Amino acid sequence: MRRVLKPGGTYAANLADGPPLAHLRGQIATAAAAFPELALAADPVVLRARRFGNAVLVASDAPLPVADLTRRVATDPHPGRVEHGRALADFAGGAAPVTDANAAPSPAPPPELFR
């Protein structure tokens, strides 16, 4: 993932997952292995593993505008929360980075989500 960015570029991924958020945590660990700067934006209910939803992961080798991102996410019509730094590392919970040997597609949303 890092090799496709120019220095100072930003990687962004829209990730879908639901409880227990194992897929999301693995993607965070993978990005953390490649980039020193990470932030994750999502609905707080999704971050608490209470329902299936999307999260946006951003990563870079340059400092991220975390304060601006936090403000924008919090003031969205559907407000979210941004995790970064130690809180994001704690959220990842020691998940192992994804490799070619253990890669899997994003989990499918539960059918009741669309009723």
N, C-alpha and C. Protein backbone atom coordinates (compact mmCIF):
# COMPACT_ATOMS: atom_id res chain seq x y z
N MET A 1 0.81 -1.18 0.00
CA MET A 1 0.00 0.00 0.00
C MET A 1 0.86 1.26 0.00
N ARG A 2 1.94 1.26 0.72
CA ARG A 2 2.78 2.45 0.81
C ARG A 2 3.52 2.73 -0.51
N ARG A 3 3.86 1.70 -1.22
CA ARG A 3 4.68 1.90 -2.42
C ARG A 3 3.94 2.65 -3.52
N VAL A 4 2.63 2.78 -3.45
CA VAL A 4 1.90 3.48 -4.49
C VAL A 4 1.73 4.97 -4.19
N LEU A 5 2.17 5.41 -3.02
CA LEU A 5 2.03 6.82 -2.65
C LEU A 5 3.34 7.57 -2.81
N LYS A 6 3.23 8.80 -3.24
CA LYS A 6 4.42 9.63 -3.24
C LYS A 6 4.69 10.06 -1.79
N PRO A 7 5.90 10.43 -1.45
CA PRO A 7 6.19 10.88 -0.07
C PRO A 7 5.24 12.01 0.34
N GLY A 8 4.70 11.89 1.53
CA GLY A 8 3.75 12.89 2.03
C GLY A 8 2.33 12.65 1.56
N GLY A 9 2.10 11.64 0.73
CA GLY A 9 0.76 11.32 0.25
C GLY A 9 -0.09 10.71 1.36
N THR A 10 -1.38 10.61 1.11
CA THR A 10 -2.31 10.06 2.08
C THR A 10 -3.02 8.85 1.50
N TYR A 11 -3.00 7.78 2.25
CA TYR A 11 -3.75 6.57 1.92
C TYR A 11 -5.09 6.66 2.62
N ALA A 12 -6.18 6.35 1.93
CA ALA A 12 -7.51 6.35 2.53
C ALA A 12 -8.24 5.09 2.10
N ALA A 13 -8.92 4.46 3.05
CA ALA A 13 -9.68 3.25 2.75
C ALA A 13 -11.01 3.30 3.48
N ASN A 14 -12.08 3.02 2.75
CA ASN A 14 -13.41 2.88 3.34
C ASN A 14 -13.56 1.39 3.67
N LEU A 15 -13.68 1.09 4.95
CA LEU A 15 -13.72 -0.29 5.42
C LEU A 15 -15.08 -0.60 6.03
N ALA A 16 -15.60 -1.77 5.75
CA ALA A 16 -16.88 -2.20 6.32
C ALA A 16 -16.64 -3.38 7.25
N ASP A 17 -17.30 -3.35 8.40
CA ASP A 17 -17.15 -4.45 9.35
C ASP A 17 -18.27 -4.37 10.39
N GLY A 18 -18.42 -5.45 11.11
CA GLY A 18 -19.38 -5.53 12.19
C GLY A 18 -18.76 -6.27 13.35
N PRO A 19 -19.50 -6.39 14.44
CA PRO A 19 -18.97 -7.06 15.62
C PRO A 19 -18.40 -8.43 15.26
N PRO A 20 -17.20 -8.74 15.73
CA PRO A 20 -16.36 -8.10 16.74
C PRO A 20 -15.29 -7.17 16.17
N LEU A 21 -15.44 -6.75 14.91
CA LEU A 21 -14.54 -5.80 14.23
C LEU A 21 -13.14 -6.37 13.96
N ALA A 22 -13.03 -7.66 13.82
CA ALA A 22 -11.73 -8.29 13.55
C ALA A 22 -11.14 -7.84 12.22
N HIS A 23 -11.99 -7.71 11.19
CA HIS A 23 -11.50 -7.26 9.89
C HIS A 23 -10.94 -5.84 9.99
N LEU A 24 -11.68 -4.96 10.63
CA LEU A 24 -11.24 -3.57 10.79
C LEU A 24 -9.93 -3.49 11.56
N ARG A 25 -9.84 -4.22 12.64
CA ARG A 25 -8.62 -4.20 13.46
C ARG A 25 -7.41 -4.72 12.66
N GLY A 26 -7.61 -5.73 11.84
CA GLY A 26 -6.52 -6.23 11.00
C GLY A 26 -6.07 -5.22 9.97
N GLN A 27 -7.02 -4.48 9.41
CA GLN A 27 -6.66 -3.44 8.43
C GLN A 27 -5.89 -2.30 9.10
N ILE A 28 -6.27 -1.96 10.31
CA ILE A 28 -5.53 -0.93 11.06
C ILE A 28 -4.11 -1.40 11.32
N ALA A 29 -3.95 -2.65 11.75
CA ALA A 29 -2.62 -3.20 12.02
C ALA A 29 -1.77 -3.21 10.75
N THR A 30 -2.39 -3.52 9.63
CA THR A 30 -1.67 -3.54 8.35
C THR A 30 -1.17 -2.14 7.99
N ALA A 31 -2.05 -1.15 8.11
CA ALA A 31 -1.65 0.22 7.81
C ALA A 31 -0.58 0.70 8.79
N ALA A 32 -0.71 0.32 10.06
CA ALA A 32 0.27 0.74 11.08
C ALA A 32 1.66 0.16 10.80
N ALA A 33 1.71 -0.99 10.14
CA ALA A 33 3.00 -1.58 9.79
C ALA A 33 3.69 -0.83 8.66
N ALA A 34 2.92 -0.05 7.90
CA ALA A 34 3.47 0.65 6.74
C ALA A 34 3.59 2.16 6.94
N PHE A 35 2.78 2.74 7.83
CA PHE A 35 2.73 4.19 8.00
C PHE A 35 2.87 4.58 9.46
N PRO A 36 3.56 5.67 9.74
CA PRO A 36 3.66 6.12 11.13
C PRO A 36 2.46 6.93 11.61
N GLU A 37 1.66 7.47 10.70
CA GLU A 37 0.53 8.32 11.06
C GLU A 37 -0.77 7.66 10.60
N LEU A 38 -1.71 7.47 11.55
CA LEU A 38 -3.00 6.86 11.24
C LEU A 38 -4.12 7.60 11.95
N ALA A 39 -5.30 7.58 11.35
CA ALA A 39 -6.52 8.05 12.00
C ALA A 39 -7.68 7.24 11.43
N LEU A 40 -8.69 7.04 12.26
CA LEU A 40 -9.86 6.27 11.86
C LEU A 40 -11.10 7.07 12.21
N ALA A 41 -12.01 7.24 11.25
CA ALA A 41 -13.27 7.96 11.48
C ALA A 41 -14.42 6.99 11.28
N ALA A 42 -15.35 7.00 12.26
CA ALA A 42 -16.51 6.11 12.17
C ALA A 42 -17.59 6.55 13.13
N ASP A 43 -18.77 6.00 12.92
CA ASP A 43 -19.87 6.19 13.85
C ASP A 43 -19.48 5.56 15.19
N PRO A 44 -19.68 6.25 16.30
CA PRO A 44 -19.31 5.68 17.60
C PRO A 44 -19.95 4.32 17.88
N VAL A 45 -21.16 4.09 17.37
CA VAL A 45 -21.82 2.80 17.59
C VAL A 45 -21.06 1.68 16.89
N VAL A 46 -20.51 1.97 15.72
CA VAL A 46 -19.70 1.00 15.00
C VAL A 46 -18.40 0.76 15.77
N LEU A 47 -17.77 1.82 16.24
CA LEU A 47 -16.51 1.68 16.99
C LEU A 47 -16.69 0.90 18.28
N ARG A 48 -17.88 0.92 18.85
CA ARG A 48 -18.15 0.14 20.06
C ARG A 48 -18.60 -1.29 19.71
N ALA A 49 -18.52 -1.65 18.43
CA ALA A 49 -18.89 -2.99 17.94
C ALA A 49 -20.33 -3.35 18.29
N ARG A 50 -21.22 -2.36 18.16
CA ARG A 50 -22.63 -2.60 18.43
C ARG A 50 -23.44 -2.84 17.15
N ARG A 51 -22.84 -2.46 15.99
CA ARG A 51 -23.54 -2.74 14.73
C ARG A 51 -22.56 -2.68 13.57
N PHE A 52 -22.98 -3.24 12.46
CA PHE A 52 -22.21 -3.23 11.22
C PHE A 52 -22.19 -1.82 10.66
N GLY A 53 -21.07 -1.41 10.09
CA GLY A 53 -21.00 -0.10 9.46
C GLY A 53 -19.65 0.14 8.81
N ASN A 54 -19.48 1.36 8.35
CA ASN A 54 -18.25 1.75 7.67
C ASN A 54 -17.35 2.56 8.59
N ALA A 55 -16.08 2.48 8.27
CA ALA A 55 -15.07 3.31 8.93
C ALA A 55 -14.10 3.75 7.84
N VAL A 56 -13.58 4.95 7.97
CA VAL A 56 -12.61 5.45 7.01
C VAL A 56 -11.26 5.53 7.71
N LEU A 57 -10.30 4.80 7.16
CA LEU A 57 -8.94 4.78 7.68
C LEU A 57 -8.07 5.65 6.80
N VAL A 58 -7.35 6.58 7.40
CA VAL A 58 -6.39 7.40 6.66
C VAL A 58 -5.01 7.17 7.27
N ALA A 59 -4.01 7.16 6.41
CA ALA A 59 -2.64 6.90 6.85
C ALA A 59 -1.67 7.69 5.99
N SER A 60 -0.52 8.02 6.57
CA SER A 60 0.47 8.81 5.84
C SER A 60 1.82 8.70 6.53
N ASP A 61 2.86 9.08 5.80
CA ASP A 61 4.16 9.21 6.44
C ASP A 61 4.37 10.66 6.92
N ALA A 62 3.41 11.51 6.64
CA ALA A 62 3.44 12.91 7.08
C ALA A 62 2.34 13.11 8.13
N PRO A 63 2.47 14.12 8.98
CA PRO A 63 1.42 14.36 9.97
C PRO A 63 0.05 14.56 9.32
N LEU A 64 -0.96 13.96 9.93
CA LEU A 64 -2.33 14.09 9.45
C LEU A 64 -3.01 15.27 10.14
N PRO A 65 -3.96 15.92 9.47
CA PRO A 65 -4.68 17.04 10.10
C PRO A 65 -5.78 16.52 11.04
N VAL A 66 -5.36 15.88 12.12
CA VAL A 66 -6.30 15.19 13.02
C VAL A 66 -7.32 16.15 13.62
N ALA A 67 -6.89 17.33 14.05
CA ALA A 67 -7.84 18.28 14.66
C ALA A 67 -8.92 18.68 13.65
N ASP A 68 -8.53 18.96 12.43
CA ASP A 68 -9.49 19.35 11.40
C ASP A 68 -10.40 18.17 11.05
N LEU A 69 -9.82 16.99 10.92
CA LEU A 69 -10.61 15.80 10.62
C LEU A 69 -11.62 15.53 11.74
N THR A 70 -11.19 15.66 12.98
CA THR A 70 -12.06 15.43 14.13
C THR A 70 -13.22 16.42 14.12
N ARG A 71 -12.93 17.68 13.85
CA ARG A 71 -13.98 18.70 13.81
C ARG A 71 -14.98 18.42 12.69
N ARG A 72 -14.47 18.08 11.53
CA ARG A 72 -15.36 17.81 10.39
C ARG A 72 -16.23 16.58 10.62
N VAL A 73 -15.66 15.54 11.17
CA VAL A 73 -16.42 14.32 11.44
C VAL A 73 -17.47 14.56 12.52
N ALA A 74 -17.12 15.34 13.54
CA ALA A 74 -18.06 15.61 14.64
C ALA A 74 -19.21 16.50 14.21
N THR A 75 -19.02 17.33 13.19
CA THR A 75 -20.07 18.25 12.76
C THR A 75 -20.82 17.77 11.51
N ASP A 76 -20.55 16.55 11.09
CA ASP A 76 -21.25 15.95 9.96
C ASP A 76 -22.73 15.76 10.33
N PRO A 77 -23.64 15.75 9.35
CA PRO A 77 -25.05 15.48 9.67
C PRO A 77 -25.24 14.14 10.41
N HIS A 78 -24.35 13.20 10.17
CA HIS A 78 -24.31 11.93 10.92
C HIS A 78 -22.98 11.91 11.66
N PRO A 79 -22.90 12.57 12.82
CA PRO A 79 -21.60 12.75 13.48
C PRO A 79 -20.90 11.45 13.82
N GLY A 80 -19.61 11.51 13.70
CA GLY A 80 -18.78 10.36 14.02
C GLY A 80 -17.71 10.73 15.02
N ARG A 81 -16.78 9.82 15.18
CA ARG A 81 -15.67 10.03 16.11
C ARG A 81 -14.38 9.66 15.38
N VAL A 82 -13.30 10.31 15.73
CA VAL A 82 -12.00 10.02 15.16
C VAL A 82 -11.11 9.45 16.26
N GLU A 83 -10.47 8.34 15.94
CA GLU A 83 -9.48 7.75 16.84
C GLU A 83 -8.12 7.88 16.17
N HIS A 84 -7.11 8.17 16.96
CA HIS A 84 -5.74 8.26 16.44
C HIS A 84 -4.77 8.03 17.60
N GLY A 85 -3.51 7.92 17.28
CA GLY A 85 -2.50 7.76 18.32
C GLY A 85 -2.73 6.53 19.18
N ARG A 86 -2.50 6.72 20.48
CA ARG A 86 -2.61 5.61 21.43
C ARG A 86 -4.02 5.01 21.46
N ALA A 87 -5.04 5.85 21.37
CA ALA A 87 -6.42 5.34 21.39
C ALA A 87 -6.68 4.42 20.20
N LEU A 88 -6.13 4.74 19.04
CA LEU A 88 -6.32 3.88 17.87
C LEU A 88 -5.53 2.58 18.04
N ALA A 89 -4.32 2.67 18.57
CA ALA A 89 -3.54 1.46 18.83
C ALA A 89 -4.26 0.56 19.82
N ASP A 90 -4.84 1.15 20.85
CA ASP A 90 -5.61 0.36 21.82
C ASP A 90 -6.83 -0.27 21.15
N PHE A 91 -7.49 0.48 20.29
CA PHE A 91 -8.65 -0.04 19.57
C PHE A 91 -8.25 -1.25 18.72
N ALA A 92 -7.10 -1.18 18.06
CA ALA A 92 -6.63 -2.29 17.22
C ALA A 92 -6.37 -3.53 18.06
N GLY A 93 -6.10 -3.34 19.33
CA GLY A 93 -6.02 -4.45 20.27
C GLY A 93 -4.98 -5.51 19.97
N GLY A 94 -3.86 -5.15 19.40
CA GLY A 94 -2.83 -6.13 19.13
C GLY A 94 -3.10 -7.03 17.94
N ALA A 95 -4.04 -6.63 17.08
CA ALA A 95 -4.34 -7.42 15.88
C ALA A 95 -3.08 -7.55 15.02
N ALA A 96 -2.98 -8.67 14.34
CA ALA A 96 -1.84 -8.90 13.45
C ALA A 96 -2.12 -8.27 12.09
N PRO A 97 -1.08 -7.75 11.43
CA PRO A 97 -1.27 -7.24 10.07
C PRO A 97 -1.76 -8.33 9.13
N VAL A 98 -2.53 -7.93 8.15
CA VAL A 98 -3.02 -8.85 7.13
C VAL A 98 -1.91 -9.12 6.14
N THR A 99 -1.75 -10.37 5.74
CA THR A 99 -0.77 -10.76 4.73
C THR A 99 -1.50 -11.43 3.57
N ASP A 100 -0.77 -11.70 2.52
CA ASP A 100 -1.39 -12.42 1.39
C ASP A 100 -1.93 -13.77 1.84
N ALA A 101 -1.27 -14.39 2.81
CA ALA A 101 -1.68 -15.72 3.27
C ALA A 101 -2.99 -15.71 4.05
N ASN A 102 -3.30 -14.58 4.72
CA ASN A 102 -4.52 -14.56 5.54
C ASN A 102 -5.52 -13.48 5.13
N ALA A 103 -5.33 -12.90 3.96
CA ALA A 103 -6.24 -11.85 3.49
C ALA A 103 -7.62 -12.41 3.22
N ALA A 104 -8.62 -11.61 3.54
CA ALA A 104 -10.02 -12.00 3.31
C ALA A 104 -10.80 -10.76 2.92
N PRO A 105 -11.86 -10.93 2.14
CA PRO A 105 -12.67 -9.76 1.79
C PRO A 105 -13.40 -9.20 3.01
N SER A 106 -13.86 -7.98 2.88
CA SER A 106 -14.67 -7.39 3.95
C SER A 106 -15.89 -8.27 4.20
N PRO A 107 -16.31 -8.36 5.45
CA PRO A 107 -17.52 -9.15 5.72
C PRO A 107 -18.74 -8.52 5.05
N ALA A 108 -19.66 -9.37 4.67
CA ALA A 108 -20.91 -8.89 4.07
C ALA A 108 -21.80 -8.31 5.17
N PRO A 109 -22.53 -7.25 4.84
CA PRO A 109 -23.46 -6.71 5.84
C PRO A 109 -24.58 -7.71 6.13
N PRO A 110 -25.08 -7.68 7.34
CA PRO A 110 -26.19 -8.58 7.65
C PRO A 110 -27.42 -8.20 6.83
N PRO A 111 -28.21 -9.18 6.38
CA PRO A 111 -29.38 -8.89 5.54
C PRO A 111 -30.36 -7.91 6.18
N GLU A 112 -30.54 -7.97 7.48
CA GLU A 112 -31.50 -7.09 8.15
C GLU A 112 -31.10 -5.61 8.08
N LEU A 113 -29.86 -5.34 7.72
CA LEU A 113 -29.40 -3.95 7.62
C LEU A 113 -30.16 -3.19 6.53
N PHE A 114 -30.68 -3.90 5.54
CA PHE A 114 -31.32 -3.26 4.40
C PHE A 114 -32.83 -3.36 4.42
N ARG A 115 -33.39 -3.76 5.53
CA ARG A 115 -34.85 -3.86 5.63
C ARG A 115 -35.44 -2.56 6.07
